[in-house]
Amino acid sequence: GDILAQKGVDNGWAGVLMYGCIRDAKEISGMPLGVKALATI
């Protein structure tokens, strides 16, 4: 979700490839982080 994605941004991760779902898609779309996943829930 957005809180963990922000941790990734803050700690210098380039991206996340998730073989599963994410949430908070709107907030994550504005973060300087690559995120690919199957869907949202």
Full PDB file with SEQRES, HELIX, SHEET, SSBOND, CRYST1, ORIGX, SCALE, CONECT and MASTER records, all heavy atoms in Angstrom:
SEQRES   1 A   41  GLY ASP ILE LEU ALA GLN LYS GLY VAL ASP ASN GLY TRP          
SEQRES   2 A   41  ALA GLY VAL LEU MET TYR GLY CYS ILE ARG ASP ALA LYS          
SEQRES   3 A   41  GLU ILE SER GLY MET PRO LEU GLY VAL LYS ALA LEU ALA          
SEQRES   4 A   41  THR ILE                                                      
HELIX    1 AA1 ASP A    2  ASP A   10  1                                   9    
HELIX    2 AA2 ALA A   25  SER A   29  1                                   5    
SHEET    1 AA1 2 GLY A  15  ILE A  22  0                                        
SHEET    2 AA1 2 GLY A  34  THR A  40  1                                        
CRYST1    1.000    1.000    1.000  90.00  90.00  90.00 P 1           1          
ORIGX1      1.000000  0.000000  0.000000        0.00000                         
ORIGX2      0.000000  1.000000  0.000000        0.00000                         
ORIGX3      0.000000  0.000000  1.000000        0.00000                         
SCALE1      1.000000  0.000000  0.000000        0.00000                         
SCALE2      0.000000  1.000000  0.000000        0.00000                         
SCALE3      0.000000  0.000000  1.000000        0.00000                         
ATOM      1  N   GLY A   1       0.842  -1.189   0.000  1.00  0.00           N  
ATOM      2  CA  GLY A   1       0.000   0.000   0.000  1.00  0.00           C  
ATOM      3  C   GLY A   1       0.872   1.231   0.000  1.00  0.00           C  
ATOM      4  O   GLY A   1       2.102   1.152  -0.109  1.00  0.00           O  
ATOM      5  N   ASP A   2       0.231   2.393   0.151  1.00  0.00           N  
ATOM      6  CA  ASP A   2       0.972   3.649   0.054  1.00  0.00           C  
ATOM      7  C   ASP A   2       2.022   3.815   1.149  1.00  0.00           C  
ATOM      8  O   ASP A   2       3.098   4.353   0.901  1.00  0.00           O  
ATOM      9  CB  ASP A   2       0.023   4.846   0.023  1.00  0.00           C  
ATOM     10  CG  ASP A   2      -0.869   4.971   1.254  1.00  0.00           C  
ATOM     11  OD1 ASP A   2      -1.021   3.992   2.017  1.00  0.00           O  
ATOM     12  OD2 ASP A   2      -1.435   6.071   1.448  1.00  0.00           O  
ATOM     13  N   ILE A   3       1.767   3.329   2.348  1.00  0.00           N  
ATOM     14  CA  ILE A   3       2.736   3.491   3.438  1.00  0.00           C  
ATOM     15  C   ILE A   3       4.007   2.692   3.149  1.00  0.00           C  
ATOM     16  O   ILE A   3       5.121   3.208   3.289  1.00  0.00           O  
ATOM     17  CB  ILE A   3       2.108   3.099   4.797  1.00  0.00           C  
ATOM     18  CG1 ILE A   3       1.001   4.094   5.147  1.00  0.00           C  
ATOM     19  CG2 ILE A   3       3.176   3.045   5.895  1.00  0.00           C  
ATOM     20  CD1 ILE A   3       0.155   3.689   6.338  1.00  0.00           C  
ATOM     21  N   LEU A   4       3.846   1.436   2.727  1.00  0.00           N  
ATOM     22  CA  LEU A   4       5.030   0.621   2.414  1.00  0.00           C  
ATOM     23  C   LEU A   4       5.725   1.119   1.156  1.00  0.00           C  
ATOM     24  O   LEU A   4       6.958   1.104   1.082  1.00  0.00           O  
ATOM     25  CB  LEU A   4       4.655  -0.848   2.271  1.00  0.00           C  
ATOM     26  CG  LEU A   4       4.121  -1.524   3.533  1.00  0.00           C  
ATOM     27  CD1 LEU A   4       3.963  -3.016   3.305  1.00  0.00           C  
ATOM     28  CD2 LEU A   4       5.005  -1.255   4.723  1.00  0.00           C  
ATOM     29  N   ALA A   5       4.954   1.565   0.168  1.00  0.00           N  
ATOM     30  CA  ALA A   5       5.575   2.115  -1.040  1.00  0.00           C  
ATOM     31  C   ALA A   5       6.411   3.341  -0.695  1.00  0.00           C  
ATOM     32  O   ALA A   5       7.522   3.515  -1.217  1.00  0.00           O  
ATOM     33  CB  ALA A   5       4.507   2.466  -2.078  1.00  0.00           C  
ATOM     34  N   GLN A   6       5.913   4.188   0.210  1.00  0.00           N  
ATOM     35  CA  GLN A   6       6.680   5.364   0.619  1.00  0.00           C  
ATOM     36  C   GLN A   6       7.958   4.955   1.340  1.00  0.00           C  
ATOM     37  O   GLN A   6       8.996   5.594   1.172  1.00  0.00           O  
ATOM     38  CB  GLN A   6       5.833   6.289   1.496  1.00  0.00           C  
ATOM     39  CG  GLN A   6       6.515   7.603   1.819  1.00  0.00           C  
ATOM     40  CD  GLN A   6       6.799   8.432   0.583  1.00  0.00           C  
ATOM     41  OE1 GLN A   6       5.920   8.705  -0.219  1.00  0.00           O  
ATOM     42  NE2 GLN A   6       8.072   8.824   0.403  1.00  0.00           N  
ATOM     43  N   LYS A   7       7.907   3.875   2.126  1.00  0.00           N  
ATOM     44  CA  LYS A   7       9.133   3.342   2.751  1.00  0.00           C  
ATOM     45  C   LYS A   7      10.149   2.989   1.666  1.00  0.00           C  
ATOM     46  O   LYS A   7      11.335   3.252   1.801  1.00  0.00           O  
ATOM     47  CB  LYS A   7       8.833   2.093   3.579  1.00  0.00           C  
ATOM     48  CG  LYS A   7       8.313   2.335   4.953  1.00  0.00           C  
ATOM     49  CD  LYS A   7       8.173   0.993   5.670  1.00  0.00           C  
ATOM     50  CE  LYS A   7       7.712   1.139   7.075  1.00  0.00           C  
ATOM     51  NZ  LYS A   7       8.713   1.699   7.965  1.00  0.00           N  
ATOM     52  N   GLY A   8       9.661   2.363   0.597  1.00  0.00           N  
ATOM     53  CA  GLY A   8      10.542   2.009  -0.512  1.00  0.00           C  
ATOM     54  C   GLY A   8      11.185   3.232  -1.139  1.00  0.00           C  
ATOM     55  O   GLY A   8      12.391   3.245  -1.416  1.00  0.00           O  
ATOM     56  N   VAL A   9      10.403   4.274  -1.352  1.00  0.00           N  
ATOM     57  CA  VAL A   9      10.928   5.527  -1.907  1.00  0.00           C  
ATOM     58  C   VAL A   9      11.973   6.108  -0.957  1.00  0.00           C  
ATOM     59  O   VAL A   9      13.080   6.454  -1.366  1.00  0.00           O  
ATOM     60  CB  VAL A   9       9.788   6.547  -2.146  1.00  0.00           C  
ATOM     61  CG1 VAL A   9      10.349   7.926  -2.480  1.00  0.00           C  
ATOM     62  CG2 VAL A   9       8.850   6.064  -3.236  1.00  0.00           C  
ATOM     63  N   ASP A  10      11.611   6.205   0.313  1.00  0.00           N  
ATOM     64  CA  ASP A  10      12.495   6.820   1.315  1.00  0.00           C  
ATOM     65  C   ASP A  10      13.810   6.063   1.476  1.00  0.00           C  
ATOM     66  O   ASP A  10      14.832   6.662   1.834  1.00  0.00           O  
ATOM     67  CB  ASP A  10      11.800   6.900   2.677  1.00  0.00           C  
ATOM     68  CG  ASP A  10      10.605   7.846   2.673  1.00  0.00           C  
ATOM     69  OD1 ASP A  10      10.475   8.671   1.739  1.00  0.00           O  
ATOM     70  OD2 ASP A  10       9.784   7.740   3.617  1.00  0.00           O  
ATOM     71  N   ASN A  11      13.793   4.767   1.208  1.00  0.00           N  
ATOM     72  CA  ASN A  11      14.986   3.940   1.410  1.00  0.00           C  
ATOM     73  C   ASN A  11      15.716   3.589   0.117  1.00  0.00           C  
ATOM     74  O   ASN A  11      16.606   2.740   0.120  1.00  0.00           O  
ATOM     75  CB  ASN A  11      14.614   2.679   2.201  1.00  0.00           C  
ATOM     76  CG  ASN A  11      14.317   3.007   3.638  1.00  0.00           C  
ATOM     77  OD1 ASN A  11      15.144   3.589   4.334  1.00  0.00           O  
ATOM     78  ND2 ASN A  11      13.118   2.683   4.094  1.00  0.00           N  
ATOM     79  N   GLY A  12      15.358   4.228  -0.988  1.00  0.00           N  
ATOM     80  CA  GLY A  12      16.139   4.092  -2.211  1.00  0.00           C  
ATOM     81  C   GLY A  12      15.881   2.847  -3.046  1.00  0.00           C  
ATOM     82  O   GLY A  12      16.759   2.425  -3.802  1.00  0.00           O  
ATOM     83  N   TRP A  13      14.692   2.269  -2.963  1.00  0.00           N  
ATOM     84  CA  TRP A  13      14.342   1.143  -3.829  1.00  0.00           C  
ATOM     85  C   TRP A  13      13.934   1.682  -5.199  1.00  0.00           C  
ATOM     86  O   TRP A  13      13.288   2.723  -5.307  1.00  0.00           O  
ATOM     87  CB  TRP A  13      13.203   0.328  -3.217  1.00  0.00           C  
ATOM     88  CG  TRP A  13      13.637  -0.448  -2.022  1.00  0.00           C  
ATOM     89  CD1 TRP A  13      13.720  -0.001  -0.730  1.00  0.00           C  
ATOM     90  CD2 TRP A  13      14.102  -1.794  -2.005  1.00  0.00           C  
ATOM     91  NE1 TRP A  13      14.212  -0.993   0.083  1.00  0.00           N  
ATOM     92  CE2 TRP A  13      14.448  -2.107  -0.671  1.00  0.00           C  
ATOM     93  CE3 TRP A  13      14.264  -2.773  -2.986  1.00  0.00           C  
ATOM     94  CZ2 TRP A  13      14.930  -3.354  -0.293  1.00  0.00           C  
ATOM     95  CZ3 TRP A  13      14.742  -4.013  -2.605  1.00  0.00           C  
ATOM     96  CH2 TRP A  13      15.079  -4.303  -1.280  1.00  0.00           C  
ATOM     97  N   ALA A  14      14.311   0.969  -6.260  1.00  0.00           N  
ATOM     98  CA  ALA A  14      13.943   1.391  -7.616  1.00  0.00           C  
ATOM     99  C   ALA A  14      12.517   0.982  -7.951  1.00  0.00           C  
ATOM    100  O   ALA A  14      11.833   1.673  -8.718  1.00  0.00           O  
ATOM    101  CB  ALA A  14      14.904   0.786  -8.642  1.00  0.00           C  
ATOM    102  N   GLY A  15      12.077  -0.159  -7.424  1.00  0.00           N  
ATOM    103  CA  GLY A  15      10.742  -0.621  -7.766  1.00  0.00           C  
ATOM    104  C   GLY A  15      10.352  -1.888  -7.040  1.00  0.00           C  
ATOM    105  O   GLY A  15      11.147  -2.476  -6.294  1.00  0.00           O  
ATOM    106  N   VAL A  16       9.097  -2.287  -7.292  1.00  0.00           N  
ATOM    107  CA  VAL A  16       8.525  -3.502  -6.735  1.00  0.00           C  
ATOM    108  C   VAL A  16       7.787  -4.226  -7.852  1.00  0.00           C  
ATOM    109  O   VAL A  16       6.967  -3.618  -8.558  1.00  0.00           O  
ATOM    110  CB  VAL A  16       7.530  -3.192  -5.589  1.00  0.00           C  
ATOM    111  CG1 VAL A  16       6.883  -4.469  -5.067  1.00  0.00           C  
ATOM    112  CG2 VAL A  16       8.208  -2.427  -4.460  1.00  0.00           C  
ATOM    113  N   LEU A  17       8.084  -5.507  -8.016  1.00  0.00           N  
ATOM    114  CA  LEU A  17       7.317  -6.372  -8.907  1.00  0.00           C  
ATOM    115  C   LEU A  17       6.527  -7.310  -8.007  1.00  0.00           C  
ATOM    116  O   LEU A  17       7.113  -8.137  -7.299  1.00  0.00           O  
ATOM    117  CB  LEU A  17       8.236  -7.170  -9.835  1.00  0.00           C  
ATOM    118  CG  LEU A  17       7.523  -8.129 -10.789  1.00  0.00           C  
ATOM    119  CD1 LEU A  17       6.668  -7.363 -11.802  1.00  0.00           C  
ATOM    120  CD2 LEU A  17       8.528  -9.020 -11.494  1.00  0.00           C  
ATOM    121  N   MET A  18       5.196  -7.159  -8.008  1.00  0.00           N  
ATOM    122  CA  MET A  18       4.328  -7.873  -7.078  1.00  0.00           C  
ATOM    123  C   MET A  18       3.488  -8.911  -7.817  1.00  0.00           C  
ATOM    124  O   MET A  18       2.614  -8.557  -8.606  1.00  0.00           O  
ATOM    125  CB  MET A  18       3.407  -6.860  -6.384  1.00  0.00           C  
ATOM    126  CG  MET A  18       2.418  -7.459  -5.415  1.00  0.00           C  
ATOM    127  SD  MET A  18       3.193  -8.237  -3.988  1.00  0.00           S  
ATOM    128  CE  MET A  18       3.894  -6.809  -3.168  1.00  0.00           C  
ATOM    129  N   TYR A  19       3.776 -10.181  -7.545  1.00  0.00           N  
ATOM    130  CA  TYR A  19       2.946 -11.263  -8.076  1.00  0.00           C  
ATOM    131  C   TYR A  19       1.785 -11.442  -7.105  1.00  0.00           C  
ATOM    132  O   TYR A  19       1.690 -12.403  -6.362  1.00  0.00           O  
ATOM    133  CB  TYR A  19       3.770 -12.539  -8.243  1.00  0.00           C  
ATOM    134  CG  TYR A  19       3.033 -13.666  -8.922  1.00  0.00           C  
ATOM    135  CD1 TYR A  19       2.337 -13.467 -10.109  1.00  0.00           C  
ATOM    136  CD2 TYR A  19       3.048 -14.945  -8.382  1.00  0.00           C  
ATOM    137  CE1 TYR A  19       1.673 -14.508 -10.725  1.00  0.00           C  
ATOM    138  CE2 TYR A  19       2.388 -15.990  -8.998  1.00  0.00           C  
ATOM    139  CZ  TYR A  19       1.697 -15.762 -10.164  1.00  0.00           C  
ATOM    140  OH  TYR A  19       1.033 -16.798 -10.779  1.00  0.00           O  
ATOM    141  N   GLY A  20       0.939 -10.430  -7.093  1.00  0.00           N  
ATOM    142  CA  GLY A  20      -0.200 -10.323  -6.204  1.00  0.00           C  
ATOM    143  C   GLY A  20      -0.795  -8.941  -6.379  1.00  0.00           C  
ATOM    144  O   GLY A  20      -0.596  -8.296  -7.404  1.00  0.00           O  
ATOM    145  N   CYS A  21      -1.512  -8.475  -5.370  1.00  0.00           N  
ATOM    146  CA  CYS A  21      -2.239  -7.203  -5.455  1.00  0.00           C  
ATOM    147  C   CYS A  21      -1.611  -6.111  -4.599  1.00  0.00           C  
ATOM    148  O   CYS A  21      -0.870  -6.383  -3.663  1.00  0.00           O  
ATOM    149  CB  CYS A  21      -3.674  -7.408  -4.981  1.00  0.00           C  
ATOM    150  SG  CYS A  21      -4.667  -8.448  -6.047  1.00  0.00           S  
ATOM    151  N   ILE A  22      -1.984  -4.882  -4.950  1.00  0.00           N  
ATOM    152  CA  ILE A  22      -1.636  -3.707  -4.160  1.00  0.00           C  
ATOM    153  C   ILE A  22      -2.922  -2.956  -3.841  1.00  0.00           C  
ATOM    154  O   ILE A  22      -3.998  -3.280  -4.356  1.00  0.00           O  
ATOM    155  CB  ILE A  22      -0.655  -2.778  -4.901  1.00  0.00           C  
ATOM    156  CG1 ILE A  22      -1.334  -2.115  -6.104  1.00  0.00           C  
ATOM    157  CG2 ILE A  22       0.599  -3.518  -5.321  1.00  0.00           C  
ATOM    158  CD1 ILE A  22      -0.698  -0.822  -6.532  1.00  0.00           C  
ATOM    159  N   ARG A  23      -2.803  -1.935  -3.003  1.00  0.00           N  
ATOM    160  CA  ARG A  23      -3.909  -1.012  -2.763  1.00  0.00           C  
ATOM    161  C   ARG A  23      -3.340   0.402  -2.716  1.00  0.00           C  
ATOM    162  O   ARG A  23      -2.138   0.588  -2.829  1.00  0.00           O  
ATOM    163  CB  ARG A  23      -4.667  -1.364  -1.487  1.00  0.00           C  
ATOM    164  CG  ARG A  23      -3.891  -1.196  -0.208  1.00  0.00           C  
ATOM    165  CD  ARG A  23      -4.699  -1.733   0.947  1.00  0.00           C  
ATOM    166  NE  ARG A  23      -4.282  -1.151   2.211  1.00  0.00           N  
ATOM    167  CZ  ARG A  23      -5.008  -1.201   3.301  1.00  0.00           C  
ATOM    168  NH1 ARG A  23      -6.181  -1.797   3.302  1.00  0.00           N  
ATOM    169  NH2 ARG A  23      -4.566  -0.660   4.414  1.00  0.00           N  
ATOM    170  N   ASP A  24      -4.201   1.388  -2.566  1.00  0.00           N  
ATOM    171  CA  ASP A  24      -3.776   2.798  -2.574  1.00  0.00           C  
ATOM    172  C   ASP A  24      -3.123   3.160  -3.909  1.00  0.00           C  
ATOM    173  O   ASP A  24      -2.125   3.891  -3.968  1.00  0.00           O  
ATOM    174  CB  ASP A  24      -2.816   3.093  -1.409  1.00  0.00           C  
ATOM    175  CG  ASP A  24      -3.400   2.745  -0.051  1.00  0.00           C  
ATOM    176  OD1 ASP A  24      -4.573   3.100   0.198  1.00  0.00           O  
ATOM    177  OD2 ASP A  24      -2.690   2.123   0.758  1.00  0.00           O  
ATOM    178  N   ALA A  25      -3.703   2.666  -4.991  1.00  0.00           N  
ATOM    179  CA  ALA A  25      -3.125   2.841  -6.323  1.00  0.00           C  
ATOM    180  C   ALA A  25      -2.970   4.316  -6.707  1.00  0.00           C  
ATOM    181  O   ALA A  25      -1.972   4.685  -7.316  1.00  0.00           O  
ATOM    182  CB  ALA A  25      -3.965   2.110  -7.367  1.00  0.00           C  
ATOM    183  N   LYS A  26      -3.919   5.153  -6.353  1.00  0.00           N  
ATOM    184  CA  LYS A  26      -3.837   6.570  -6.713  1.00  0.00           C  
ATOM    185  C   LYS A  26      -2.611   7.215  -6.069  1.00  0.00           C  
ATOM    186  O   LYS A  26      -1.847   7.925  -6.735  1.00  0.00           O  
ATOM    187  CB  LYS A  26      -5.119   7.287  -6.259  1.00  0.00           C  
ATOM    188  CG  LYS A  26      -5.068   8.787  -6.373  1.00  0.00           C  
ATOM    189  CD  LYS A  26      -5.508   9.235  -7.728  1.00  0.00           C  
ATOM    190  CE  LYS A  26      -5.704  10.741  -7.754  1.00  0.00           C  
ATOM    191  NZ  LYS A  26      -4.781  11.431  -8.573  1.00  0.00           N  
ATOM    192  N   GLU A  27      -2.403   6.957  -4.790  1.00  0.00           N  
ATOM    193  CA  GLU A  27      -1.260   7.543  -4.095  1.00  0.00           C  
ATOM    194  C   GLU A  27       0.062   6.989  -4.636  1.00  0.00           C  
ATOM    195  O   GLU A  27       1.021   7.730  -4.843  1.00  0.00           O  
ATOM    196  CB  GLU A  27      -1.367   7.278  -2.586  1.00  0.00           C  
ATOM    197  CG  GLU A  27      -2.496   8.022  -1.906  1.00  0.00           C  
ATOM    198  CD  GLU A  27      -3.874   7.375  -2.094  1.00  0.00           C  
ATOM    199  OE1 GLU A  27      -3.978   6.271  -2.659  1.00  0.00           O  
ATOM    200  OE2 GLU A  27      -4.863   8.002  -1.686  1.00  0.00           O  
ATOM    201  N   ILE A  28       0.114   5.698  -4.877  1.00  0.00           N  
ATOM    202  CA  ILE A  28       1.333   5.071  -5.392  1.00  0.00           C  
ATOM    203  C   ILE A  28       1.680   5.593  -6.777  1.00  0.00           C  
ATOM    204  O   ILE A  28       2.851   5.750  -7.116  1.00  0.00           O  
ATOM    205  CB  ILE A  28       1.200   3.529  -5.359  1.00  0.00           C  
ATOM    206  CG1 ILE A  28       1.203   3.050  -3.893  1.00  0.00           C  
ATOM    207  CG2 ILE A  28       2.313   2.852  -6.145  1.00  0.00           C  
ATOM    208  CD1 ILE A  28       0.895   1.580  -3.713  1.00  0.00           C  
ATOM    209  N   SER A  29       0.663   5.921  -7.573  1.00  0.00           N  
ATOM    210  CA  SER A  29       0.923   6.424  -8.932  1.00  0.00           C  
ATOM    211  C   SER A  29       1.674   7.752  -8.929  1.00  0.00           C  
ATOM    212  O   SER A  29       2.302   8.100  -9.923  1.00  0.00           O  
ATOM    213  CB  SER A  29      -0.392   6.568  -9.710  1.00  0.00           C  
ATOM    214  OG  SER A  29      -1.140   7.683  -9.239  1.00  0.00           O  
ATOM    215  N   GLY A  30       1.641   8.479  -7.830  1.00  0.00           N  
ATOM    216  CA  GLY A  30       2.353   9.746  -7.738  1.00  0.00           C  
ATOM    217  C   GLY A  30       3.724   9.648  -7.099  1.00  0.00           C  
ATOM    218  O   GLY A  30       4.393  10.666  -6.914  1.00  0.00           O  
ATOM    219  N   MET A  31       4.150   8.427  -6.764  1.00  0.00           N  
ATOM    220  CA  MET A  31       5.440   8.245  -6.096  1.00  0.00           C  
ATOM    221  C   MET A  31       6.545   7.914  -7.096  1.00  0.00           C  
ATOM    222  O   MET A  31       6.290   7.219  -8.077  1.00  0.00           O  
ATOM    223  CB  MET A  31       5.343   7.114  -5.068  1.00  0.00           C  
ATOM    224  CG  MET A  31       4.421   7.412  -3.932  1.00  0.00           C  
ATOM    225  SD  MET A  31       4.381   6.015  -2.772  1.00  0.00           S  
ATOM    226  CE  MET A  31       3.152   6.588  -1.627  1.00  0.00           C  
ATOM    227  N   PRO A  32       7.774   8.380  -6.836  1.00  0.00           N  
ATOM    228  CA  PRO A  32       8.896   8.069  -7.728  1.00  0.00           C  
ATOM    229  C   PRO A  32       9.414   6.650  -7.484  1.00  0.00           C  
ATOM    230  O   PRO A  32      10.525   6.435  -7.008  1.00  0.00           O  
ATOM    231  CB  PRO A  32       9.933   9.136  -7.376  1.00  0.00           C  
ATOM    232  CG  PRO A  32       9.671   9.436  -5.931  1.00  0.00           C  
ATOM    233  CD  PRO A  32       8.182   9.296  -5.757  1.00  0.00           C  
ATOM    234  N   LEU A  33       8.565   5.677  -7.823  1.00  0.00           N  
ATOM    235  CA  LEU A  33       8.853   4.269  -7.600  1.00  0.00           C  
ATOM    236  C   LEU A  33       8.182   3.475  -8.705  1.00  0.00           C  
ATOM    237  O   LEU A  33       7.037   3.766  -9.079  1.00  0.00           O  
ATOM    238  CB  LEU A  33       8.277   3.840  -6.236  1.00  0.00           C  
ATOM    239  CG  LEU A  33       8.507   2.406  -5.780  1.00  0.00           C  
ATOM    240  CD1 LEU A  33       9.981   2.193  -5.398  1.00  0.00           C  
ATOM    241  CD2 LEU A  33       7.604   2.079  -4.586  1.00  0.00           C  
ATOM    242  N   GLY A  34       8.867   2.484  -9.243  1.00  0.00           N  
ATOM    243  CA  GLY A  34       8.240   1.579 -10.192  1.00  0.00           C  
ATOM    244  C   GLY A  34       7.448   0.535  -9.434  1.00  0.00           C  
ATOM    245  O   GLY A  34       7.964  -0.052  -8.477  1.00  0.00           O  
ATOM    246  N   VAL A  35       6.211   0.307  -9.816  1.00  0.00           N  
ATOM    247  CA  VAL A  35       5.391  -0.734  -9.195  1.00  0.00           C  
ATOM    248  C   VAL A  35       4.586  -1.424 -10.282  1.00  0.00           C  
ATOM    249  O   VAL A  35       3.809  -0.787 -10.993  1.00  0.00           O  
ATOM    250  CB  VAL A  35       4.426  -0.181  -8.117  1.00  0.00           C  
ATOM    251  CG1 VAL A  35       3.541  -1.300  -7.557  1.00  0.00           C  
ATOM    252  CG2 VAL A  35       5.191   0.505  -6.996  1.00  0.00           C  
ATOM    253  N   LYS A  36       4.809  -2.718 -10.412  1.00  0.00           N  
ATOM    254  CA  LYS A  36       3.998  -3.555 -11.295  1.00  0.00           C  
ATOM    255  C   LYS A  36       3.364  -4.629 -10.427  1.00  0.00           C  
ATOM    256  O   LYS A  36       4.022  -5.215  -9.569  1.00  0.00           O  
ATOM    257  CB  LYS A  36       4.844  -4.193 -12.395  1.00  0.00           C  
ATOM    258  CG  LYS A  36       5.274  -3.207 -13.475  1.00  0.00           C  
ATOM    259  CD  LYS A  36       5.968  -3.936 -14.611  1.00  0.00           C  
ATOM    260  CE  LYS A  36       6.394  -2.993 -15.707  1.00  0.00           C  
ATOM    261  NZ  LYS A  36       5.340  -2.645 -16.641  1.00  0.00           N  
ATOM    262  N   ALA A  37       2.072  -4.879 -10.654  1.00  0.00           N  
ATOM    263  CA  ALA A  37       1.335  -5.876  -9.884  1.00  0.00           C  
ATOM    264  C   ALA A  37       0.236  -6.449 -10.766  1.00  0.00           C  
ATOM    265  O   ALA A  37       0.005  -5.971 -11.879  1.00  0.00           O  
ATOM    266  CB  ALA A  37       0.751  -5.247  -8.626  1.00  0.00           C  
ATOM    267  N   LEU A  38      -0.445  -7.458 -10.243  1.00  0.00           N  
ATOM    268  CA  LEU A  38      -1.527  -8.085 -11.002  1.00  0.00           C  
ATOM    269  C   LEU A  38      -2.799  -7.245 -10.999  1.00  0.00           C  
ATOM    270  O   LEU A  38      -3.484  -7.159 -12.009  1.00  0.00           O  
ATOM    271  CB  LEU A  38      -1.838  -9.475 -10.426  1.00  0.00           C  
ATOM    272  CG  LEU A  38      -0.708 -10.492 -10.478  1.00  0.00           C  
ATOM    273  CD1 LEU A  38      -1.151 -11.808  -9.837  1.00  0.00           C  
ATOM    274  CD2 LEU A  38      -0.243 -10.727 -11.910  1.00  0.00           C  
ATOM    275  N   ALA A  39      -3.138  -6.648  -9.842  1.00  0.00           N  
ATOM    276  CA  ALA A  39      -4.400  -5.926  -9.705  1.00  0.00           C  
ATOM    277  C   ALA A  39      -4.387  -5.121  -8.417  1.00  0.00           C  
ATOM    278  O   ALA A  39      -3.394  -5.125  -7.683  1.00  0.00           O  
ATOM    279  CB  ALA A  39      -5.564  -6.927  -9.692  1.00  0.00           C  
ATOM    280  N   THR A  40      -5.513  -4.465  -8.151  1.00  0.00           N  
ATOM    281  CA  THR A  40      -5.700  -3.757  -6.889  1.00  0.00           C  
ATOM    282  C   THR A  40      -6.872  -4.371  -6.134  1.00  0.00           C  
ATOM    283  O   THR A  40      -7.776  -4.958  -6.722  1.00  0.00           O  
ATOM    284  CB  THR A  40      -5.990  -2.262  -7.111  1.00  0.00           C  
ATOM    285  OG1 THR A  40      -7.194  -2.136  -7.872  1.00  0.00           O  
ATOM    286  CG2 THR A  40      -4.849  -1.575  -7.824  1.00  0.00           C  
ATOM    287  N   ILE A  41      -6.823  -4.216  -4.817  1.00  0.00           N  
ATOM    288  CA  ILE A  41      -7.909  -4.644  -3.931  1.00  0.00           C  
ATOM    289  C   ILE A  41      -7.752  -3.852  -2.641  1.00  0.00           C  
ATOM    290  O   ILE A  41      -6.632  -3.611  -2.189  1.00  0.00           O  
ATOM    291  CB  ILE A  41      -7.858  -6.181  -3.687  1.00  0.00           C  
ATOM    292  CG1 ILE A  41      -9.107  -6.667  -2.955  1.00  0.00           C  
ATOM    293  CG2 ILE A  41      -6.583  -6.577  -2.955  1.00  0.00           C  
ATOM    294  CD1 ILE A  41      -9.234  -8.196  -2.915  1.00  0.00           C  
TER     295      ILE A  41                                                      
MASTER        0    0    0    2    2    0    0    6  294    1    0    4          
END                                                                             
